Amino acid sequence: MDFYHVINRGVEKRDVFLEEGDFIRFIHDMYVFNDVRSAPNYIVKERQHVRQRKMLVHVHAYCLMKNHYHLLLSPNTENGISAFMQKLNMGYSKYFNDKYERSGVLWQGIFKKIHVTRDAHFMYIPYYIHLNPLDFIHPEWRAGAIKNPGQALAFLREYRWSSHLDYLGVKNFPSVIYPVQLAGVLGNRSQYEREIRDVISSPHLANKSLDIEL
């Protein structure tokens, strides 16, 4: 299975998630648009029974920030990532422009995609993605210089807009992610939490995140 680290930012680095409802809508879109078939109309969909889906991609991890997002994906069909990202970016753009009465492009570009090989950095990418919200309160995490890891981890437990909580065993948006493949890398809840604490407390481990910056 091939893994890809995917990122996109708001045009001119503008914020693309302005309130809680925007985060929820994007996460919902990640589920709805992850299907080889066209997404049904939202109003019609509410009246339908849950239908069988054939996913375009497996979403292994994600994190939404105010002006960008990180996804860890693997294709489930031919050209699955391109098809999924086109639907996701276009669908959310339409929602955002309609809601905020604007026009024009929302994203900086199509998206950036980096093929993740199974090397020493592979195991750190999920942690890197989940640690991004620390930029709000502890940007020094990237240098492994956090003096109070407990406070940082407590903040991450309150940040709903990533798959971090699901890997901690707290059901957040479990239907979006496909955790099976990362289970062997991240281990159980205790192992995952211990490793993420080590990453933000160790300059040696944190510096690995600099090698996977996009």
N, C-alpha and C. Protein backbone atom coordinates (compact mmCIF):
# COMPACT_ATOMS: atom_id res chain seq x y z
N MET A 1 0.84 -1.20 0.00
CA MET A 1 0.00 0.00 0.00
C MET A 1 0.88 1.24 0.00
N ASP A 2 0.59 2.17 -0.89
CA ASP A 2 1.33 3.42 -0.99
C ASP A 2 0.65 4.50 -0.15
N PHE A 3 1.46 5.28 0.54
CA PHE A 3 0.95 6.37 1.37
C PHE A 3 1.38 7.71 0.79
N TYR A 4 0.51 8.71 0.92
CA TYR A 4 0.80 10.05 0.41
C TYR A 4 0.41 11.09 1.46
N HIS A 5 1.33 12.00 1.69
CA HIS A 5 1.07 13.13 2.57
C HIS A 5 0.55 14.26 1.69
N VAL A 6 -0.68 14.68 1.93
CA VAL A 6 -1.36 15.67 1.09
C VAL A 6 -1.64 16.92 1.91
N ILE A 7 -1.37 18.07 1.30
CA ILE A 7 -1.62 19.34 1.99
C ILE A 7 -2.19 20.34 1.01
N ASN A 8 -3.02 21.23 1.51
CA ASN A 8 -3.45 22.38 0.73
C ASN A 8 -3.70 23.54 1.68
N ARG A 9 -3.50 24.76 1.15
CA ARG A 9 -3.68 25.97 1.94
C ARG A 9 -4.68 26.89 1.27
N GLY A 10 -5.23 27.79 2.06
CA GLY A 10 -6.10 28.81 1.49
C GLY A 10 -5.31 29.73 0.59
N VAL A 11 -5.94 30.24 -0.45
CA VAL A 11 -5.28 31.17 -1.36
C VAL A 11 -4.77 32.37 -0.57
N GLU A 12 -3.54 32.79 -0.88
CA GLU A 12 -2.87 33.87 -0.15
C GLU A 12 -2.80 33.57 1.35
N LYS A 13 -2.81 32.27 1.67
CA LYS A 13 -2.74 31.80 3.05
C LYS A 13 -3.90 32.30 3.91
N ARG A 14 -5.04 32.55 3.28
CA ARG A 14 -6.20 33.02 4.02
C ARG A 14 -6.81 31.88 4.83
N ASP A 15 -7.52 32.22 5.88
CA ASP A 15 -8.22 31.21 6.67
C ASP A 15 -9.37 30.62 5.86
N VAL A 16 -9.50 29.31 5.91
CA VAL A 16 -10.56 28.62 5.18
C VAL A 16 -11.55 27.95 6.12
N PHE A 17 -11.22 27.93 7.41
CA PHE A 17 -12.13 27.42 8.43
C PHE A 17 -12.33 28.56 9.44
N LEU A 18 -13.49 29.20 9.38
CA LEU A 18 -13.72 30.40 10.17
C LEU A 18 -14.49 30.14 11.45
N GLU A 19 -15.20 29.04 11.50
CA GLU A 19 -15.96 28.70 12.69
C GLU A 19 -16.13 27.19 12.77
N GLU A 20 -16.67 26.73 13.89
CA GLU A 20 -16.79 25.30 14.14
C GLU A 20 -17.54 24.58 13.01
N GLY A 21 -18.59 25.20 12.50
CA GLY A 21 -19.37 24.56 11.45
C GLY A 21 -18.58 24.29 10.19
N ASP A 22 -17.57 25.11 9.92
CA ASP A 22 -16.74 24.90 8.74
C ASP A 22 -15.86 23.66 8.90
N PHE A 23 -15.28 23.50 10.08
CA PHE A 23 -14.49 22.30 10.35
C PHE A 23 -15.36 21.05 10.20
N ILE A 24 -16.54 21.10 10.80
CA ILE A 24 -17.45 19.95 10.74
C ILE A 24 -17.83 19.64 9.31
N ARG A 25 -18.12 20.68 8.52
CA ARG A 25 -18.52 20.46 7.14
C ARG A 25 -17.40 19.79 6.35
N PHE A 26 -16.15 20.23 6.52
CA PHE A 26 -15.05 19.64 5.77
C PHE A 26 -14.85 18.18 6.15
N ILE A 27 -14.93 17.88 7.44
CA ILE A 27 -14.78 16.50 7.88
C ILE A 27 -15.92 15.64 7.34
N HIS A 28 -17.12 16.18 7.35
CA HIS A 28 -18.26 15.48 6.77
C HIS A 28 -18.04 15.24 5.28
N ASP A 29 -17.49 16.25 4.60
CA ASP A 29 -17.20 16.11 3.17
C ASP A 29 -16.16 15.02 2.91
N MET A 30 -15.21 14.87 3.82
CA MET A 30 -14.21 13.81 3.63
C MET A 30 -14.87 12.44 3.59
N TYR A 31 -15.95 12.30 4.33
CA TYR A 31 -16.70 11.03 4.31
C TYR A 31 -17.58 10.94 3.07
N VAL A 32 -18.36 11.97 2.81
CA VAL A 32 -19.34 11.93 1.73
C VAL A 32 -18.68 11.79 0.36
N PHE A 33 -17.59 12.52 0.14
CA PHE A 33 -16.95 12.52 -1.18
C PHE A 33 -15.99 11.35 -1.38
N ASN A 34 -15.80 10.55 -0.36
CA ASN A 34 -14.91 9.39 -0.50
C ASN A 34 -15.70 8.21 -1.05
N ASP A 35 -16.11 8.33 -2.29
CA ASP A 35 -16.96 7.34 -2.94
C ASP A 35 -16.75 7.47 -4.44
N VAL A 36 -16.66 6.35 -5.13
CA VAL A 36 -16.46 6.40 -6.58
C VAL A 36 -17.67 7.02 -7.27
N ARG A 37 -18.83 6.93 -6.64
CA ARG A 37 -20.03 7.53 -7.22
C ARG A 37 -20.14 9.00 -6.81
N SER A 38 -20.94 9.73 -7.55
CA SER A 38 -21.16 11.13 -7.23
C SER A 38 -21.84 11.24 -5.88
N ALA A 39 -21.48 12.28 -5.15
CA ALA A 39 -22.11 12.50 -3.84
C ALA A 39 -23.55 12.91 -4.05
N PRO A 40 -24.48 12.32 -3.31
CA PRO A 40 -25.88 12.71 -3.45
C PRO A 40 -26.12 14.10 -2.90
N ASN A 41 -27.18 14.72 -3.36
CA ASN A 41 -27.58 16.01 -2.83
C ASN A 41 -27.77 15.89 -1.32
N TYR A 42 -27.31 16.89 -0.56
CA TYR A 42 -27.36 16.80 0.90
C TYR A 42 -28.78 16.65 1.41
N ILE A 43 -29.73 17.36 0.79
CA ILE A 43 -31.12 17.27 1.25
C ILE A 43 -31.69 15.90 0.95
N VAL A 44 -31.44 15.42 -0.28
CA VAL A 44 -31.93 14.11 -0.66
C VAL A 44 -31.29 13.04 0.19
N LYS A 45 -30.00 13.19 0.45
CA LYS A 45 -29.26 12.17 1.19
C LYS A 45 -29.87 11.93 2.57
N GLU A 46 -30.37 12.98 3.19
CA GLU A 46 -30.93 12.83 4.53
C GLU A 46 -32.15 11.93 4.53
N ARG A 47 -32.78 11.77 3.38
CA ARG A 47 -33.99 10.96 3.29
C ARG A 47 -33.69 9.53 2.85
N GLN A 48 -32.44 9.28 2.52
CA GLN A 48 -32.08 7.96 2.02
C GLN A 48 -31.52 7.10 3.14
N HIS A 49 -31.60 5.80 2.94
CA HIS A 49 -30.92 4.90 3.84
C HIS A 49 -29.42 4.95 3.54
N VAL A 50 -28.62 4.55 4.50
CA VAL A 50 -27.18 4.52 4.29
C VAL A 50 -26.87 3.57 3.14
N ARG A 51 -26.11 4.03 2.19
CA ARG A 51 -25.82 3.23 1.02
C ARG A 51 -24.41 2.66 1.10
N GLN A 52 -24.19 1.60 0.37
CA GLN A 52 -22.86 1.01 0.30
C GLN A 52 -21.95 1.93 -0.51
N ARG A 53 -20.72 2.08 -0.03
CA ARG A 53 -19.77 2.94 -0.73
C ARG A 53 -18.58 2.12 -1.19
N LYS A 54 -17.96 2.58 -2.27
CA LYS A 54 -16.65 2.10 -2.66
C LYS A 54 -15.72 3.29 -2.54
N MET A 55 -14.84 3.23 -1.55
CA MET A 55 -14.02 4.38 -1.23
C MET A 55 -12.96 4.63 -2.29
N LEU A 56 -12.73 5.89 -2.58
CA LEU A 56 -11.66 6.30 -3.50
C LEU A 56 -10.30 6.18 -2.82
N VAL A 57 -10.26 6.49 -1.54
CA VAL A 57 -9.00 6.49 -0.78
C VAL A 57 -9.25 5.94 0.62
N HIS A 58 -8.17 5.59 1.28
CA HIS A 58 -8.19 5.34 2.72
C HIS A 58 -7.59 6.58 3.38
N VAL A 59 -8.33 7.16 4.30
CA VAL A 59 -7.84 8.30 5.08
C VAL A 59 -7.24 7.75 6.36
N HIS A 60 -5.94 7.79 6.47
CA HIS A 60 -5.26 7.21 7.64
C HIS A 60 -5.11 8.22 8.77
N ALA A 61 -4.92 9.47 8.43
CA ALA A 61 -4.78 10.52 9.45
C ALA A 61 -5.09 11.86 8.79
N TYR A 62 -5.52 12.81 9.62
CA TYR A 62 -5.79 14.15 9.09
C TYR A 62 -5.69 15.17 10.20
N CYS A 63 -5.49 16.41 9.82
CA CYS A 63 -5.54 17.53 10.75
C CYS A 63 -5.95 18.77 9.98
N LEU A 64 -6.94 19.47 10.50
CA LEU A 64 -7.39 20.73 9.91
C LEU A 64 -6.90 21.88 10.76
N MET A 65 -6.21 22.83 10.13
CA MET A 65 -5.80 24.06 10.78
C MET A 65 -6.65 25.20 10.22
N LYS A 66 -6.43 26.42 10.68
CA LYS A 66 -7.29 27.51 10.23
C LYS A 66 -7.15 27.79 8.74
N ASN A 67 -5.93 27.69 8.23
CA ASN A 67 -5.73 28.06 6.83
C ASN A 67 -5.18 26.94 5.96
N HIS A 68 -5.10 25.73 6.50
CA HIS A 68 -4.62 24.61 5.69
C HIS A 68 -5.03 23.29 6.33
N TYR A 69 -4.75 22.22 5.61
CA TYR A 69 -5.03 20.88 6.15
C TYR A 69 -3.92 19.92 5.76
N HIS A 70 -3.80 18.87 6.54
CA HIS A 70 -2.89 17.75 6.27
C HIS A 70 -3.70 16.47 6.21
N LEU A 71 -3.43 15.64 5.22
CA LEU A 71 -4.06 14.33 5.11
C LEU A 71 -2.99 13.29 4.85
N LEU A 72 -3.17 12.11 5.39
CA LEU A 72 -2.34 10.96 5.05
C LEU A 72 -3.25 9.96 4.36
N LEU A 73 -3.05 9.78 3.05
CA LEU A 73 -3.96 9.00 2.23
C LEU A 73 -3.25 7.86 1.52
N SER A 74 -4.02 6.86 1.16
CA SER A 74 -3.56 5.84 0.21
C SER A 74 -4.70 5.60 -0.77
N PRO A 75 -4.39 5.43 -2.05
CA PRO A 75 -5.46 5.23 -3.05
C PRO A 75 -6.11 3.87 -2.90
N ASN A 76 -7.40 3.84 -3.07
CA ASN A 76 -8.15 2.59 -3.03
C ASN A 76 -8.65 2.20 -4.41
N THR A 77 -8.54 3.13 -5.36
CA THR A 77 -8.88 2.89 -6.76
C THR A 77 -7.84 3.59 -7.62
N GLU A 78 -7.82 3.29 -8.89
CA GLU A 78 -6.89 3.97 -9.79
C GLU A 78 -7.22 5.46 -9.82
N ASN A 79 -6.19 6.29 -9.63
CA ASN A 79 -6.35 7.74 -9.58
C ASN A 79 -7.31 8.18 -8.47
N GLY A 80 -7.38 7.36 -7.43
CA GLY A 80 -8.32 7.64 -6.35
C GLY A 80 -8.04 8.93 -5.62
N ILE A 81 -6.75 9.24 -5.38
CA ILE A 81 -6.42 10.45 -4.64
C ILE A 81 -6.82 11.69 -5.43
N SER A 82 -6.49 11.72 -6.71
CA SER A 82 -6.84 12.88 -7.53
C SER A 82 -8.36 13.08 -7.58
N ALA A 83 -9.10 11.99 -7.76
CA ALA A 83 -10.56 12.09 -7.82
C ALA A 83 -11.13 12.57 -6.49
N PHE A 84 -10.62 12.02 -5.40
CA PHE A 84 -11.10 12.40 -4.07
C PHE A 84 -10.80 13.87 -3.78
N MET A 85 -9.58 14.29 -4.05
CA MET A 85 -9.19 15.66 -3.74
C MET A 85 -9.95 16.67 -4.60
N GLN A 86 -10.21 16.32 -5.84
CA GLN A 86 -10.99 17.22 -6.69
C GLN A 86 -12.39 17.42 -6.12
N LYS A 87 -13.03 16.32 -5.73
CA LYS A 87 -14.37 16.41 -5.17
C LYS A 87 -14.36 17.17 -3.84
N LEU A 88 -13.38 16.87 -3.02
CA LEU A 88 -13.31 17.49 -1.69
C LEU A 88 -13.06 18.99 -1.79
N ASN A 89 -12.05 19.39 -2.56
CA ASN A 89 -11.71 20.81 -2.66
C ASN A 89 -12.82 21.61 -3.34
N MET A 90 -13.38 21.07 -4.41
CA MET A 90 -14.44 21.78 -5.12
C MET A 90 -15.71 21.86 -4.28
N GLY A 91 -16.05 20.75 -3.63
CA GLY A 91 -17.26 20.73 -2.82
C GLY A 91 -17.20 21.70 -1.65
N TYR A 92 -16.04 21.72 -0.96
CA TYR A 92 -15.92 22.63 0.17
C TYR A 92 -15.86 24.08 -0.30
N SER A 93 -15.20 24.33 -1.43
CA SER A 93 -15.13 25.69 -1.97
C SER A 93 -16.51 26.24 -2.26
N LYS A 94 -17.36 25.41 -2.85
CA LYS A 94 -18.73 25.85 -3.15
C LYS A 94 -19.48 26.18 -1.86
N TYR A 95 -19.36 25.30 -0.88
CA TYR A 95 -20.00 25.55 0.42
C TYR A 95 -19.50 26.86 1.02
N PHE A 96 -18.18 27.06 1.03
CA PHE A 96 -17.58 28.23 1.66
C PHE A 96 -18.00 29.51 0.95
N ASN A 97 -17.93 29.50 -0.39
CA ASN A 97 -18.28 30.70 -1.15
C ASN A 97 -19.75 31.05 -1.01
N ASP A 98 -20.60 30.04 -0.99
CA ASP A 98 -22.03 30.30 -0.80
C ASP A 98 -22.30 30.85 0.60
N LYS A 99 -21.69 30.26 1.59
CA LYS A 99 -21.94 30.66 2.97
C LYS A 99 -21.46 32.08 3.25
N TYR A 100 -20.26 32.41 2.73
CA TYR A 100 -19.67 33.71 3.05
C TYR A 100 -19.81 34.72 1.91
N GLU A 101 -20.65 34.39 0.94
CA GLU A 101 -20.99 35.30 -0.15
C GLU A 101 -19.74 35.86 -0.83
N ARG A 102 -18.88 34.96 -1.24
CA ARG A 102 -17.67 35.34 -1.96
C ARG A 102 -17.61 34.56 -3.26
N SER A 103 -16.66 34.92 -4.11
CA SER A 103 -16.46 34.20 -5.36
C SER A 103 -14.96 34.04 -5.59
N GLY A 104 -14.61 33.20 -6.53
CA GLY A 104 -13.21 32.99 -6.83
C GLY A 104 -12.65 31.75 -6.16
N VAL A 105 -11.38 31.51 -6.41
CA VAL A 105 -10.74 30.30 -5.88
C VAL A 105 -10.55 30.43 -4.38
N LEU A 106 -10.61 29.31 -3.71
CA LEU A 106 -10.41 29.28 -2.25
C LEU A 106 -9.05 28.73 -1.89
N TRP A 107 -8.55 27.77 -2.69
CA TRP A 107 -7.31 27.08 -2.36
C TRP A 107 -6.13 27.65 -3.13
N GLN A 108 -4.95 27.47 -2.58
CA GLN A 108 -3.72 27.97 -3.16
C GLN A 108 -3.41 27.30 -4.50
N GLY A 109 -3.81 26.08 -4.64
CA GLY A 109 -3.59 25.32 -5.87
C GLY A 109 -4.43 24.06 -5.81
N ILE A 110 -4.11 23.11 -6.66
CA ILE A 110 -4.85 21.85 -6.64
C ILE A 110 -4.63 21.15 -5.30
N PHE A 111 -3.44 20.73 -5.03
CA PHE A 111 -2.99 20.21 -3.74
C PHE A 111 -1.55 19.76 -3.92
N LYS A 112 -0.84 19.62 -2.82
CA LYS A 112 0.52 19.08 -2.85
C LYS A 112 0.47 17.65 -2.34
N LYS A 113 1.24 16.81 -2.97
CA LYS A 113 1.22 15.39 -2.62
C LYS A 113 2.65 14.86 -2.60
N ILE A 114 3.03 14.24 -1.52
CA ILE A 114 4.36 13.64 -1.40
C ILE A 114 4.21 12.16 -1.10
N HIS A 115 4.85 11.36 -1.92
CA HIS A 115 4.83 9.91 -1.73
C HIS A 115 5.67 9.56 -0.50
N VAL A 116 5.07 8.86 0.43
CA VAL A 116 5.75 8.49 1.67
C VAL A 116 6.29 7.08 1.52
N THR A 117 7.59 6.96 1.46
CA THR A 117 8.18 5.63 1.39
C THR A 117 8.31 5.06 2.80
N ARG A 118 8.44 3.77 2.87
CA ARG A 118 8.51 3.12 4.19
C ARG A 118 9.93 3.18 4.73
N ASP A 119 10.39 4.40 4.99
CA ASP A 119 11.71 4.57 5.56
C ASP A 119 11.56 5.00 7.02
N ALA A 120 12.65 5.50 7.57
CA ALA A 120 12.64 5.84 9.00
C ALA A 120 11.66 6.97 9.32
N HIS A 121 11.34 7.80 8.30
CA HIS A 121 10.45 8.92 8.55
C HIS A 121 8.98 8.52 8.51
N PHE A 122 8.69 7.37 7.95
CA PHE A 122 7.29 6.99 7.76
C PHE A 122 6.52 6.99 9.07
N MET A 123 7.12 6.45 10.12
CA MET A 123 6.40 6.31 11.38
C MET A 123 6.17 7.65 12.07
N TYR A 124 6.89 8.70 11.66
CA TYR A 124 6.73 9.99 12.33
C TYR A 124 5.68 10.88 11.67
N ILE A 125 5.27 10.55 10.45
CA ILE A 125 4.33 11.41 9.76
C ILE A 125 2.98 11.51 10.48
N PRO A 126 2.39 10.41 10.96
CA PRO A 126 1.12 10.56 11.70
C PRO A 126 1.27 11.48 12.92
N TYR A 127 2.40 11.36 13.63
CA TYR A 127 2.61 12.23 14.79
C TYR A 127 2.75 13.68 14.35
N TYR A 128 3.52 13.90 13.29
CA TYR A 128 3.70 15.25 12.77
C TYR A 128 2.35 15.88 12.42
N ILE A 129 1.50 15.11 11.74
CA ILE A 129 0.19 15.62 11.35
C ILE A 129 -0.64 15.97 12.59
N HIS A 130 -0.64 15.09 13.57
CA HIS A 130 -1.46 15.30 14.76
C HIS A 130 -0.92 16.39 15.68
N LEU A 131 0.37 16.69 15.58
CA LEU A 131 0.97 17.70 16.45
C LEU A 131 0.84 19.11 15.91
N ASN A 132 0.40 19.27 14.68
CA ASN A 132 0.31 20.60 14.08
C ASN A 132 -0.46 21.62 14.92
N PRO A 133 -1.56 21.24 15.59
CA PRO A 133 -2.28 22.25 16.38
C PRO A 133 -1.45 22.89 17.49
N LEU A 134 -0.34 22.27 17.87
CA LEU A 134 0.51 22.88 18.89
C LEU A 134 1.13 24.19 18.40
N ASP A 135 1.09 24.44 17.09
CA ASP A 135 1.58 25.72 16.58
C ASP A 135 0.82 26.89 17.21
N PHE A 136 -0.41 26.66 17.65
CA PHE A 136 -1.21 27.73 18.25
C PHE A 136 -0.67 28.15 19.62
N ILE A 137 -0.14 27.19 20.37
CA ILE A 137 0.26 27.52 21.75
C ILE A 137 1.72 27.18 22.05
N HIS A 138 2.28 26.19 21.36
CA HIS A 138 3.65 25.75 21.63
C HIS A 138 4.40 25.51 20.32
N PRO A 139 4.67 26.56 19.54
CA PRO A 139 5.38 26.35 18.28
C PRO A 139 6.77 25.74 18.46
N GLU A 140 7.28 25.79 19.68
CA GLU A 140 8.60 25.22 19.94
C GLU A 140 8.60 23.70 19.90
N TRP A 141 7.43 23.08 19.73
CA TRP A 141 7.38 21.61 19.66
C TRP A 141 8.22 21.10 18.50
N ARG A 142 8.36 21.89 17.45
CA ARG A 142 9.10 21.45 16.28
C ARG A 142 10.59 21.30 16.57
N ALA A 143 11.03 21.91 17.64
CA ALA A 143 12.43 21.77 18.04
C ALA A 143 12.58 20.84 19.23
N GLY A 144 11.48 20.19 19.62
CA GLY A 144 11.54 19.29 20.77
C GLY A 144 11.83 20.03 22.05
N ALA A 145 11.34 21.29 22.14
CA ALA A 145 11.69 22.14 23.27
C ALA A 145 10.52 22.42 24.20
N ILE A 146 9.51 21.60 24.17
CA ILE A 146 8.36 21.81 25.05
C ILE A 146 8.75 21.42 26.48
N LYS A 147 8.57 22.35 27.39
CA LYS A 147 8.94 22.11 28.78
C LYS A 147 7.83 21.46 29.59
N ASN A 148 6.61 21.56 29.08
CA ASN A 148 5.47 20.97 29.79
C ASN A 148 4.68 20.10 28.82
N PRO A 149 5.17 18.87 28.56
CA PRO A 149 4.47 17.99 27.62
C PRO A 149 3.04 17.69 28.04
N GLY A 150 2.79 17.62 29.34
CA GLY A 150 1.44 17.33 29.81
C GLY A 150 0.45 18.39 29.36
N GLN A 151 0.85 19.64 29.44
CA GLN A 151 -0.02 20.73 29.00
C GLN A 151 -0.28 20.65 27.50
N ALA A 152 0.77 20.32 26.74
CA ALA A 152 0.62 20.20 25.29
C ALA A 152 -0.33 19.06 24.93
N LEU A 153 -0.18 17.94 25.59
CA LEU A 153 -1.05 16.80 25.31
C LEU A 153 -2.49 17.08 25.72
N ALA A 154 -2.66 17.84 26.80
CA ALA A 154 -4.02 18.21 27.23
C ALA A 154 -4.68 19.10 26.17
N PHE A 155 -3.90 19.99 25.58
CA PHE A 155 -4.44 20.84 24.52
C PHE A 155 -4.87 20.00 23.33
N LEU A 156 -4.05 19.03 22.95
CA LEU A 156 -4.39 18.17 21.81
C LEU A 156 -5.66 17.37 22.08
N ARG A 157 -5.89 17.01 23.33
CA ARG A 157 -7.11 16.27 23.68
C ARG A 157 -8.36 17.12 23.49
N GLU A 158 -8.20 18.43 23.53
CA GLU A 158 -9.34 19.33 23.37
C GLU A 158 -9.51 19.78 21.92
N TYR A 159 -8.56 19.43 21.07
CA TYR A 159 -8.62 19.87 19.67
C TYR A 159 -9.30 18.77 18.86
N ARG A 160 -10.50 19.05 18.39
CA ARG A 160 -11.33 18.02 17.76
C ARG A 160 -11.02 17.81 16.29
N TRP A 161 -10.32 18.74 15.65
CA TRP A 161 -10.28 18.74 14.19
C TRP A 161 -9.10 17.95 13.63
N SER A 162 -8.86 16.80 14.20
CA SER A 162 -7.84 15.88 13.68
C SER A 162 -8.23 14.46 14.09
N SER A 163 -7.48 13.50 13.60
CA SER A 163 -7.74 12.10 13.94
C SER A 163 -7.00 11.67 15.20
N HIS A 164 -6.34 12.61 15.86
CA HIS A 164 -5.57 12.30 17.07
C HIS A 164 -6.43 11.60 18.12
N LEU A 165 -7.61 12.13 18.38
CA LEU A 165 -8.47 11.56 19.42
C LEU A 165 -8.88 10.13 19.09
N ASP A 166 -9.15 9.87 17.83
CA ASP A 166 -9.56 8.51 17.45
C ASP A 166 -8.44 7.51 17.72
N TYR A 167 -7.19 7.92 17.52
CA TYR A 167 -6.07 7.01 17.81
C TYR A 167 -5.80 6.89 19.31
N LEU A 168 -6.36 7.83 20.08
CA LEU A 168 -6.28 7.71 21.54
C LEU A 168 -7.40 6.83 22.09
N GLY A 169 -8.29 6.40 21.22
CA GLY A 169 -9.40 5.58 21.66
C GLY A 169 -10.64 6.37 22.01
N VAL A 170 -10.62 7.68 21.72
CA VAL A 170 -11.77 8.54 21.97
C VAL A 170 -12.50 8.74 20.65
N LYS A 171 -13.74 8.30 20.56
CA LYS A 171 -14.48 8.42 19.32
C LYS A 171 -14.77 9.88 19.03
N ASN A 172 -14.24 10.35 17.91
CA ASN A 172 -14.40 11.73 17.50
C ASN A 172 -15.17 11.78 16.19
N PHE A 173 -14.48 11.42 15.10
CA PHE A 173 -15.13 11.23 13.80
C PHE A 173 -14.62 9.91 13.22
N PRO A 174 -14.93 8.80 13.87
CA PRO A 174 -14.30 7.51 13.51
C PRO A 174 -14.66 7.00 12.12
N SER A 175 -15.79 7.42 11.57
CA SER A 175 -16.19 6.90 10.26
C SER A 175 -15.34 7.45 9.13
N VAL A 176 -14.58 8.51 9.40
CA VAL A 176 -13.77 9.14 8.35
C VAL A 176 -12.48 8.38 8.10
N ILE A 177 -11.88 7.85 9.16
CA ILE A 177 -10.53 7.28 9.02
C ILE A 177 -10.56 5.77 8.85
N TYR A 178 -9.44 5.28 8.33
CA TYR A 178 -9.21 3.85 8.13
C TYR A 178 -7.96 3.51 8.95
N PRO A 179 -8.12 3.17 10.23
CA PRO A 179 -6.98 3.07 11.13
C PRO A 179 -6.20 1.76 11.06
N VAL A 180 -6.68 0.82 10.29
CA VAL A 180 -6.10 -0.53 10.32
C VAL A 180 -4.62 -0.52 9.96
N GLN A 181 -4.26 0.20 8.89
CA GLN A 181 -2.88 0.15 8.41
C GLN A 181 -1.88 0.79 9.36
N LEU A 182 -2.31 1.80 10.09
CA LEU A 182 -1.39 2.47 11.01
C LEU A 182 -1.32 1.81 12.37
N ALA A 183 -2.20 0.87 12.63
CA ALA A 183 -2.23 0.23 13.94
C ALA A 183 -0.89 -0.43 14.26
N GLY A 184 -0.27 -1.03 13.26
CA GLY A 184 1.01 -1.69 13.49
C GLY A 184 2.15 -0.71 13.73
N VAL A 185 1.97 0.53 13.26
CA VAL A 185 2.99 1.56 13.44
C VAL A 185 2.80 2.30 14.76
N LEU A 186 1.57 2.68 15.04
CA LEU A 186 1.29 3.49 16.22
C LEU A 186 1.07 2.68 17.48
N GLY A 187 0.74 1.41 17.33
CA GLY A 187 0.52 0.57 18.50
C GLY A 187 -0.81 0.86 19.16
N ASN A 188 -0.95 0.42 20.41
CA ASN A 188 -2.19 0.66 21.13
C ASN A 188 -2.22 2.09 21.67
N ARG A 189 -3.28 2.40 22.37
CA ARG A 189 -3.45 3.77 22.86
C ARG A 189 -2.27 4.22 23.72
N SER A 190 -1.85 3.39 24.64
CA SER A 190 -0.75 3.76 25.54
C SER A 190 0.55 3.98 24.78
N GLN A 191 0.83 3.09 23.83
CA GLN A 191 2.05 3.23 23.03
C GLN A 191 2.02 4.50 22.20
N TYR A 192 0.87 4.78 21.61
CA TYR A 192 0.73 5.98 20.79
C TYR A 192 0.95 7.24 21.62
N GLU A 193 0.31 7.30 22.78
CA GLU A 193 0.44 8.49 23.62
C GLU A 193 1.86 8.65 24.15
N ARG A 194 2.51 7.55 24.47
CA ARG A 194 3.88 7.61 24.95
C ARG A 194 4.82 8.11 23.85
N GLU A 195 4.62 7.63 22.64
CA GLU A 195 5.48 8.03 21.53
C GLU A 195 5.29 9.50 21.17
N ILE A 196 4.05 9.96 21.19
CA ILE A 196 3.82 11.37 20.84
C ILE A 196 4.40 12.29 21.90
N ARG A 197 4.40 11.84 23.15
CA ARG A 197 5.06 12.62 24.21
C ARG A 197 6.57 12.66 23.97
N ASP A 198 7.14 11.53 23.56
CA ASP A 198 8.57 11.49 23.29
C ASP A 198 8.96 12.42 22.15
N VAL A 199 8.12 12.49 21.12
CA VAL A 199 8.43 13.33 19.96
C VAL A 199 8.52 14.79 20.35
N ILE A 200 7.57 15.28 21.15
CA ILE A 200 7.58 16.70 21.48
C ILE A 200 8.58 17.02 22.59
N SER A 201 9.16 16.01 23.20
CA SER A 201 10.11 16.22 24.29
C SER A 201 11.54 15.99 23.86
N SER A 202 11.75 15.52 22.64
CA SER A 202 13.09 15.14 22.20
C SER A 202 13.48 15.90 20.95
N PRO A 203 14.52 16.73 21.01
CA PRO A 203 14.98 17.43 19.81
C PRO A 203 15.32 16.47 18.67
N HIS A 204 15.90 15.32 19.01
CA HIS A 204 16.28 14.35 17.98
C HIS A 204 15.07 13.86 17.21
N LEU A 205 14.00 13.52 17.92
CA LEU A 205 12.79 13.03 17.25
C LEU A 205 12.02 14.16 16.59
N ALA A 206 11.91 15.30 17.26
CA ALA A 206 11.16 16.42 16.69
C ALA A 206 11.79 16.92 15.41
N ASN A 207 13.11 16.88 15.33
CA ASN A 207 13.79 17.35 14.13
C ASN A 207 13.43 16.54 12.90
N LYS A 208 12.98 15.31 13.11
CA LYS A 208 12.55 14.51 11.96
C LYS A 208 11.35 15.15 11.27
N SER A 209 10.55 15.91 12.03
CA SER A 209 9.39 16.57 11.43
C SER A 209 9.83 17.62 10.43
N LEU A 210 10.99 18.22 10.65
CA LEU A 210 11.47 19.23 9.73
C LEU A 210 11.79 18.63 8.37
N ASP A 211 12.15 17.35 8.35
CA ASP A 211 12.49 16.69 7.10
C ASP A 211 11.26 16.36 6.27
N ILE A 212 10.07 16.43 6.87
CA ILE A 212 8.87 16.10 6.12
C ILE A 212 7.97 17.32 5.95
N GLU A 213 8.51 18.52 6.24
CA GLU A 213 7.74 19.74 5.99
C GLU A 213 7.51 19.88 4.50
N LEU A 214 6.34 20.37 4.13
CA LEU A 214 6.02 20.60 2.72
C LEU A 214 6.21 22.07 2.40
